[in-house]
Amino acid sequence: MDWNGLSGDWVQGQERVRRRWDKLTDEDLAYIAGNRAHFVARVQDRYQMTREEVELHLKNWLATEMA
């Protein structure tokens, strides 16, 4: 799956995101609302990661967990 597939059904997608990135709050998920840039920014903040690290984790997660 890619980000577009995940964000296309954000109601279900956010539950999957919540299971993987449990430090994201309900407010974070509402703010993200399927927007990849918002997701990356919030994960950077909550997990103290660089943008590149978040993108790598997201890419790997989408390739494996969401397949």
PDB file of N, CA and C in Angstrom:
ATOM      1  N   MET A   1       0.848  -1.177   0.000  1.00  0.00           N
ATOM      2  CA  MET A   1       0.000   0.000   0.000  1.00  0.00           C
ATOM      3  C   MET A   1       0.888   1.233   0.000  1.00  0.00           C
ATOM      4  N   ASP A   2       0.368   2.283  -0.531  1.00  0.00           N
ATOM      5  CA  ASP A   2       1.088   3.547  -0.483  1.00  0.00           C
ATOM      6  C   ASP A   2       0.296   4.538   0.373  1.00  0.00           C
ATOM      7  N   TRP A   3       0.866   5.717   0.557  1.00  0.00           N
ATOM      8  CA  TRP A   3       0.214   6.711   1.417  1.00  0.00           C
ATOM      9  C   TRP A   3      -1.151   7.100   0.877  1.00  0.00           C
ATOM     10  N   ASN A   4      -1.312   7.183  -0.445  1.00  0.00           N
ATOM     11  CA  ASN A   4      -2.595   7.570  -1.020  1.00  0.00           C
ATOM     12  C   ASN A   4      -3.693   6.590  -0.640  1.00  0.00           C
ATOM     13  N   GLY A   5      -3.374   5.313  -0.645  1.00  0.00           N
ATOM     14  CA  GLY A   5      -4.350   4.315  -0.234  1.00  0.00           C
ATOM     15  C   GLY A   5      -4.721   4.455   1.230  1.00  0.00           C
ATOM     16  N   LEU A   6      -3.751   4.751   2.043  1.00  0.00           N
ATOM     17  CA  LEU A   6      -3.979   4.927   3.472  1.00  0.00           C
ATOM     18  C   LEU A   6      -4.811   6.177   3.740  1.00  0.00           C
ATOM     19  N   SER A   7      -4.443   7.262   3.092  1.00  0.00           N
ATOM     20  CA  SER A   7      -5.137   8.523   3.347  1.00  0.00           C
ATOM     21  C   SER A   7      -6.508   8.564   2.691  1.00  0.00           C
ATOM     22  N   GLY A   8      -6.723   7.730   1.658  1.00  0.00           N
ATOM     23  CA  GLY A   8      -8.004   7.717   0.978  1.00  0.00           C
ATOM     24  C   GLY A   8      -9.149   7.296   1.888  1.00  0.00           C
ATOM     25  N   ASP A   9      -8.866   6.445   2.851  1.00  0.00           N
ATOM     26  CA  ASP A   9      -9.853   6.040   3.850  1.00  0.00           C
ATOM     27  C   ASP A   9      -9.242   6.345   5.210  1.00  0.00           C
ATOM     28  N   TRP A  10      -9.163   7.611   5.543  1.00  0.00           N
ATOM     29  CA  TRP A  10      -8.451   8.041   6.736  1.00  0.00           C
ATOM     30  C   TRP A  10      -9.091   7.527   8.018  1.00  0.00           C
ATOM     31  N   VAL A  11     -10.409   7.322   8.027  1.00  0.00           N
ATOM     32  CA  VAL A  11     -11.056   6.815   9.240  1.00  0.00           C
ATOM     33  C   VAL A  11     -10.445   5.465   9.619  1.00  0.00           C
ATOM     34  N   GLN A  12     -10.332   4.574   8.655  1.00  0.00           N
ATOM     35  CA  GLN A  12      -9.713   3.276   8.920  1.00  0.00           C
ATOM     36  C   GLN A  12      -8.195   3.420   8.996  1.00  0.00           C
ATOM     37  N   GLY A  13      -7.626   4.251   8.154  1.00  0.00           N
ATOM     38  CA  GLY A  13      -6.181   4.435   8.113  1.00  0.00           C
ATOM     39  C   GLY A  13      -5.604   4.943   9.414  1.00  0.00           C
ATOM     40  N   GLN A  14      -6.313   5.831  10.062  1.00  0.00           N
ATOM     41  CA  GLN A  14      -5.768   6.382  11.310  1.00  0.00           C
ATOM     42  C   GLN A  14      -5.687   5.334  12.400  1.00  0.00           C
ATOM     43  N   GLU A  15      -6.537   4.341  12.373  1.00  0.00           N
ATOM     44  CA  GLU A  15      -6.432   3.254  13.356  1.00  0.00           C
ATOM     45  C   GLU A  15      -5.155   2.452  13.133  1.00  0.00           C
ATOM     46  N   ARG A  16      -4.811   2.231  11.880  1.00  0.00           N
ATOM     47  CA  ARG A  16      -3.554   1.540  11.573  1.00  0.00           C
ATOM     48  C   ARG A  16      -2.362   2.387  11.998  1.00  0.00           C
ATOM     49  N   VAL A  17      -2.426   3.673  11.730  1.00  0.00           N
ATOM     50  CA  VAL A  17      -1.352   4.591  12.129  1.00  0.00           C
ATOM     51  C   VAL A  17      -1.230   4.598  13.654  1.00  0.00           C
ATOM     52  N   ARG A  18      -2.352   4.646  14.333  1.00  0.00           N
ATOM     53  CA  ARG A  18      -2.343   4.684  15.806  1.00  0.00           C
ATOM     54  C   ARG A  18      -1.669   3.436  16.388  1.00  0.00           C
ATOM     55  N   ARG A  19      -1.915   2.272  15.776  1.00  0.00           N
ATOM     56  CA  ARG A  19      -1.291   1.039  16.278  1.00  0.00           C
ATOM     57  C   ARG A  19       0.230   1.071  16.110  1.00  0.00           C
ATOM     58  N   ARG A  20       0.719   1.699  15.048  1.00  0.00           N
ATOM     59  CA  ARG A  20       2.164   1.743  14.791  1.00  0.00           C
ATOM     60  C   ARG A  20       2.848   2.884  15.539  1.00  0.00           C
ATOM     61  N   TRP A  21       2.220   4.039  15.549  1.00  0.00           N
ATOM     62  CA  TRP A  21       2.787   5.226  16.185  1.00  0.00           C
ATOM     63  C   TRP A  21       1.868   5.645  17.332  1.00  0.00           C
ATOM     64  N   ASP A  22       1.992   4.931  18.439  1.00  0.00           N
ATOM     65  CA  ASP A  22       1.055   5.111  19.548  1.00  0.00           C
ATOM     66  C   ASP A  22       1.248   6.395  20.349  1.00  0.00           C
ATOM     67  N   LYS A  23       2.301   7.143  20.092  1.00  0.00           N
ATOM     68  CA  LYS A  23       2.485   8.427  20.771  1.00  0.00           C
ATOM     69  C   LYS A  23       1.653   9.536  20.135  1.00  0.00           C
ATOM     70  N   LEU A  24       1.084   9.277  18.955  1.00  0.00           N
ATOM     71  CA  LEU A  24       0.239  10.277  18.313  1.00  0.00           C
ATOM     72  C   LEU A  24      -1.100  10.338  19.044  1.00  0.00           C
ATOM     73  N   THR A  25      -1.529  11.531  19.339  1.00  0.00           N
ATOM     74  CA  THR A  25      -2.784  11.735  20.059  1.00  0.00           C
ATOM     75  C   THR A  25      -3.958  11.811  19.081  1.00  0.00           C
ATOM     76  N   ASP A  26      -5.160  11.798  19.632  1.00  0.00           N
ATOM     77  CA  ASP A  26      -6.349  11.993  18.801  1.00  0.00           C
ATOM     78  C   ASP A  26      -6.287  13.336  18.082  1.00  0.00           C
ATOM     79  N   GLU A  27      -5.771  14.336  18.769  1.00  0.00           N
ATOM     80  CA  GLU A  27      -5.637  15.658  18.158  1.00  0.00           C
ATOM     81  C   GLU A  27      -4.631  15.632  17.005  1.00  0.00           C
ATOM     82  N   ASP A  28      -3.541  14.891  17.186  1.00  0.00           N
ATOM     83  CA  ASP A  28      -2.556  14.736  16.112  1.00  0.00           C
ATOM     84  C   ASP A  28      -3.204  14.097  14.893  1.00  0.00           C
ATOM     85  N   LEU A  29      -3.954  13.021  15.116  1.00  0.00           N
ATOM     86  CA  LEU A  29      -4.578  12.304  14.008  1.00  0.00           C
ATOM     87  C   LEU A  29      -5.618  13.173  13.303  1.00  0.00           C
ATOM     88  N   ALA A  30      -6.341  13.971  14.061  1.00  0.00           N
ATOM     89  CA  ALA A  30      -7.307  14.888  13.453  1.00  0.00           C
ATOM     90  C   ALA A  30      -6.584  15.941  12.612  1.00  0.00           C
ATOM     91  N   TYR A  31      -5.465  16.445  13.112  1.00  0.00           N
ATOM     92  CA  TYR A  31      -4.673  17.424  12.368  1.00  0.00           C
ATOM     93  C   TYR A  31      -4.090  16.811  11.098  1.00  0.00           C
ATOM     94  N   ILE A  32      -3.585  15.589  11.195  1.00  0.00           N
ATOM     95  CA  ILE A  32      -2.982  14.918  10.046  1.00  0.00           C
ATOM     96  C   ILE A  32      -4.022  14.706   8.951  1.00  0.00           C
ATOM     97  N   ALA A  33      -5.157  14.163   9.310  1.00  0.00           N
ATOM     98  CA  ALA A  33      -6.296  13.973   8.398  1.00  0.00           C
ATOM     99  C   ALA A  33      -5.875  13.461   7.020  1.00  0.00           C
ATOM    100  N   GLY A  34      -4.911  12.549   7.000  1.00  0.00           N
ATOM    101  CA  GLY A  34      -4.476  11.949   5.743  1.00  0.00           C
ATOM    102  C   GLY A  34      -3.380  12.705   5.013  1.00  0.00           C
ATOM    103  N   ASN A  35      -2.941  13.841   5.551  1.00  0.00           N
ATOM    104  CA  ASN A  35      -1.910  14.652   4.906  1.00  0.00           C
ATOM    105  C   ASN A  35      -0.527  14.135   5.308  1.00  0.00           C
ATOM    106  N   ARG A  36       0.229  13.676   4.333  1.00  0.00           N
ATOM    107  CA  ARG A  36       1.541  13.077   4.610  1.00  0.00           C
ATOM    108  C   ARG A  36       2.512  14.058   5.267  1.00  0.00           C
ATOM    109  N   ALA A  37       2.545  15.290   4.799  1.00  0.00           N
ATOM    110  CA  ALA A  37       3.459  16.285   5.383  1.00  0.00           C
ATOM    111  C   ALA A  37       3.110  16.543   6.846  1.00  0.00           C
ATOM    112  N   HIS A  38       1.828  16.600   7.157  1.00  0.00           N
ATOM    113  CA  HIS A  38       1.409  16.791   8.544  1.00  0.00           C
ATOM    114  C   HIS A  38       1.796  15.576   9.384  1.00  0.00           C
ATOM    115  N   PHE A  39       1.633  14.380   8.807  1.00  0.00           N
ATOM    116  CA  PHE A  39       2.016  13.158   9.506  1.00  0.00           C
ATOM    117  C   PHE A  39       3.507  13.186   9.853  1.00  0.00           C
ATOM    118  N   VAL A  40       4.329  13.484   8.860  1.00  0.00           N
ATOM    119  CA  VAL A  40       5.778  13.497   9.070  1.00  0.00           C
ATOM    120  C   VAL A  40       6.146  14.503  10.159  1.00  0.00           C
ATOM    121  N   ALA A  41       5.549  15.678  10.117  1.00  0.00           N
ATOM    122  CA  ALA A  41       5.856  16.710  11.111  1.00  0.00           C
ATOM    123  C   ALA A  41       5.476  16.267  12.520  1.00  0.00           C
ATOM    124  N   ARG A  42       4.314  15.661  12.659  1.00  0.00           N
ATOM    125  CA  ARG A  42       3.881  15.224  13.995  1.00  0.00           C
ATOM    126  C   ARG A  42       4.721  14.067  14.516  1.00  0.00           C
ATOM    127  N   VAL A  43       5.070  13.121  13.657  1.00  0.00           N
ATOM    128  CA  VAL A  43       5.917  12.012  14.103  1.00  0.00           C
ATOM    129  C   VAL A  43       7.302  12.543  14.472  1.00  0.00           C
ATOM    130  N   GLN A  44       7.828  13.475  13.706  1.00  0.00           N
ATOM    131  CA  GLN A  44       9.119  14.089  14.047  1.00  0.00           C
ATOM    132  C   GLN A  44       9.068  14.652  15.457  1.00  0.00           C
ATOM    133  N   ASP A  45       8.001  15.367  15.752  1.00  0.00           N
ATOM    134  CA  ASP A  45       7.866  16.013  17.056  1.00  0.00           C
ATOM    135  C   ASP A  45       7.700  14.998  18.177  1.00  0.00           C
ATOM    136  N   ARG A  46       6.818  14.042  18.003  1.00  0.00           N
ATOM    137  CA  ARG A  46       6.520  13.087  19.072  1.00  0.00           C
ATOM    138  C   ARG A  46       7.654  12.100  19.327  1.00  0.00           C
ATOM    139  N   TYR A  47       8.369  11.732  18.279  1.00  0.00           N
ATOM    140  CA  TYR A  47       9.404  10.693  18.398  1.00  0.00           C
ATOM    141  C   TYR A  47      10.828  11.241  18.307  1.00  0.00           C
ATOM    142  N   GLN A  48      10.961  12.559  18.178  1.00  0.00           N
ATOM    143  CA  GLN A  48      12.281  13.194  18.112  1.00  0.00           C
ATOM    144  C   GLN A  48      13.143  12.551  17.020  1.00  0.00           C
ATOM    145  N   MET A  49      12.580  12.488  15.814  1.00  0.00           N
ATOM    146  CA  MET A  49      13.261  11.911  14.661  1.00  0.00           C
ATOM    147  C   MET A  49      13.436  12.989  13.602  1.00  0.00           C
ATOM    148  N   THR A  50      14.371  12.748  12.701  1.00  0.00           N
ATOM    149  CA  THR A  50      14.515  13.649  11.561  1.00  0.00           C
ATOM    150  C   THR A  50      13.454  13.307  10.519  1.00  0.00           C
ATOM    151  N   ARG A  51      13.232  14.230   9.597  1.00  0.00           N
ATOM    152  CA  ARG A  51      12.283  13.985   8.520  1.00  0.00           C
ATOM    153  C   ARG A  51      12.677  12.745   7.734  1.00  0.00           C
ATOM    154  N   GLU A  52      13.965  12.602   7.481  1.00  0.00           N
ATOM    155  CA  GLU A  52      14.468  11.450   6.727  1.00  0.00           C
ATOM    156  C   GLU A  52      14.192  10.142   7.461  1.00  0.00           C
ATOM    157  N   GLU A  53      14.381  10.152   8.783  1.00  0.00           N
ATOM    158  CA  GLU A  53      14.105   8.950   9.569  1.00  0.00           C
ATOM    159  C   GLU A  53      12.622   8.583   9.521  1.00  0.00           C
ATOM    160  N   VAL A  54      11.772   9.589   9.654  1.00  0.00           N
ATOM    161  CA  VAL A  54      10.331   9.338   9.593  1.00  0.00           C
ATOM    162  C   VAL A  54       9.954   8.773   8.230  1.00  0.00           C
ATOM    163  N   GLU A  55      10.470   9.383   7.175  1.00  0.00           N
ATOM    164  CA  GLU A  55      10.158   8.918   5.817  1.00  0.00           C
ATOM    165  C   GLU A  55      10.611   7.473   5.619  1.00  0.00           C
ATOM    166  N   LEU A  56      11.769   7.123   6.135  1.00  0.00           N
ATOM    167  CA  LEU A  56      12.273   5.762   6.005  1.00  0.00           C
ATOM    168  C   LEU A  56      11.389   4.775   6.766  1.00  0.00           C
ATOM    169  N   HIS A  57      11.036   5.114   8.009  1.00  0.00           N
ATOM    170  CA  HIS A  57      10.160   4.251   8.799  1.00  0.00           C
ATOM    171  C   HIS A  57       8.796   4.105   8.125  1.00  0.00           C
ATOM    172  N   LEU A  58       8.281   5.197   7.601  1.00  0.00           N
ATOM    173  CA  LEU A  58       6.989   5.161   6.930  1.00  0.00           C
ATOM    174  C   LEU A  58       7.054   4.294   5.679  1.00  0.00           C
ATOM    175  N   LYS A  59       8.094   4.464   4.892  1.00  0.00           N
ATOM    176  CA  LYS A  59       8.256   3.666   3.673  1.00  0.00           C
ATOM    177  C   LYS A  59       8.309   2.177   4.003  1.00  0.00           C
ATOM    178  N   ASN A  60       9.107   1.811   5.002  1.00  0.00           N
ATOM    179  CA  ASN A  60       9.225   0.404   5.400  1.00  0.00           C
ATOM    180  C   ASN A  60       7.908  -0.143   5.938  1.00  0.00           C
ATOM    181  N   TRP A  61       7.220   0.649   6.724  1.00  0.00           N
ATOM    182  CA  TRP A  61       5.943   0.233   7.287  1.00  0.00           C
ATOM    183  C   TRP A  61       4.906   0.019   6.188  1.00  0.00           C
ATOM    184  N   LEU A  62       4.818   0.952   5.273  1.00  0.00           N
ATOM    185  CA  LEU A  62       3.871   0.812   4.178  1.00  0.00           C
ATOM    186  C   LEU A  62       4.175  -0.415   3.329  1.00  0.00           C
ATOM    187  N   ALA A  63       5.459  -0.716   3.139  1.00  0.00           N
ATOM    188  CA  ALA A  63       5.853  -1.853   2.307  1.00  0.00           C
ATOM    189  C   ALA A  63       5.590  -3.193   2.980  1.00  0.00           C
ATOM    190  N   THR A  64       5.706  -3.246   4.297  1.00  0.00           N
ATOM    191  CA  THR A  64       5.577  -4.525   4.982  1.00  0.00           C
ATOM    192  C   THR A  64       4.245  -4.688   5.713  1.00  0.00           C
ATOM    193  N   GLU A  65       3.966  -3.807   6.603  1.00  0.00           N
ATOM    194  CA  GLU A  65       2.769  -3.933   7.452  1.00  0.00           C
ATOM    195  C   GLU A  65       1.490  -3.702   6.676  1.00  0.00           C
ATOM    196  N   MET A  66       1.532  -2.891   5.674  1.00  0.00           N
ATOM    197  CA  MET A  66       0.322  -2.536   4.961  1.00  0.00           C
ATOM    198  C   MET A  66       0.136  -3.332   3.675  1.00  0.00           C
ATOM    199  N   ALA A  67       1.016  -4.291   3.418  1.00  0.00           N
ATOM    200  CA  ALA A  67       0.944  -5.065   2.164  1.00  0.00           C
ATOM    201  C   ALA A  67      -0.254  -5.984   2.146  1.00  0.00           C
TER     202      ALA A  67
END
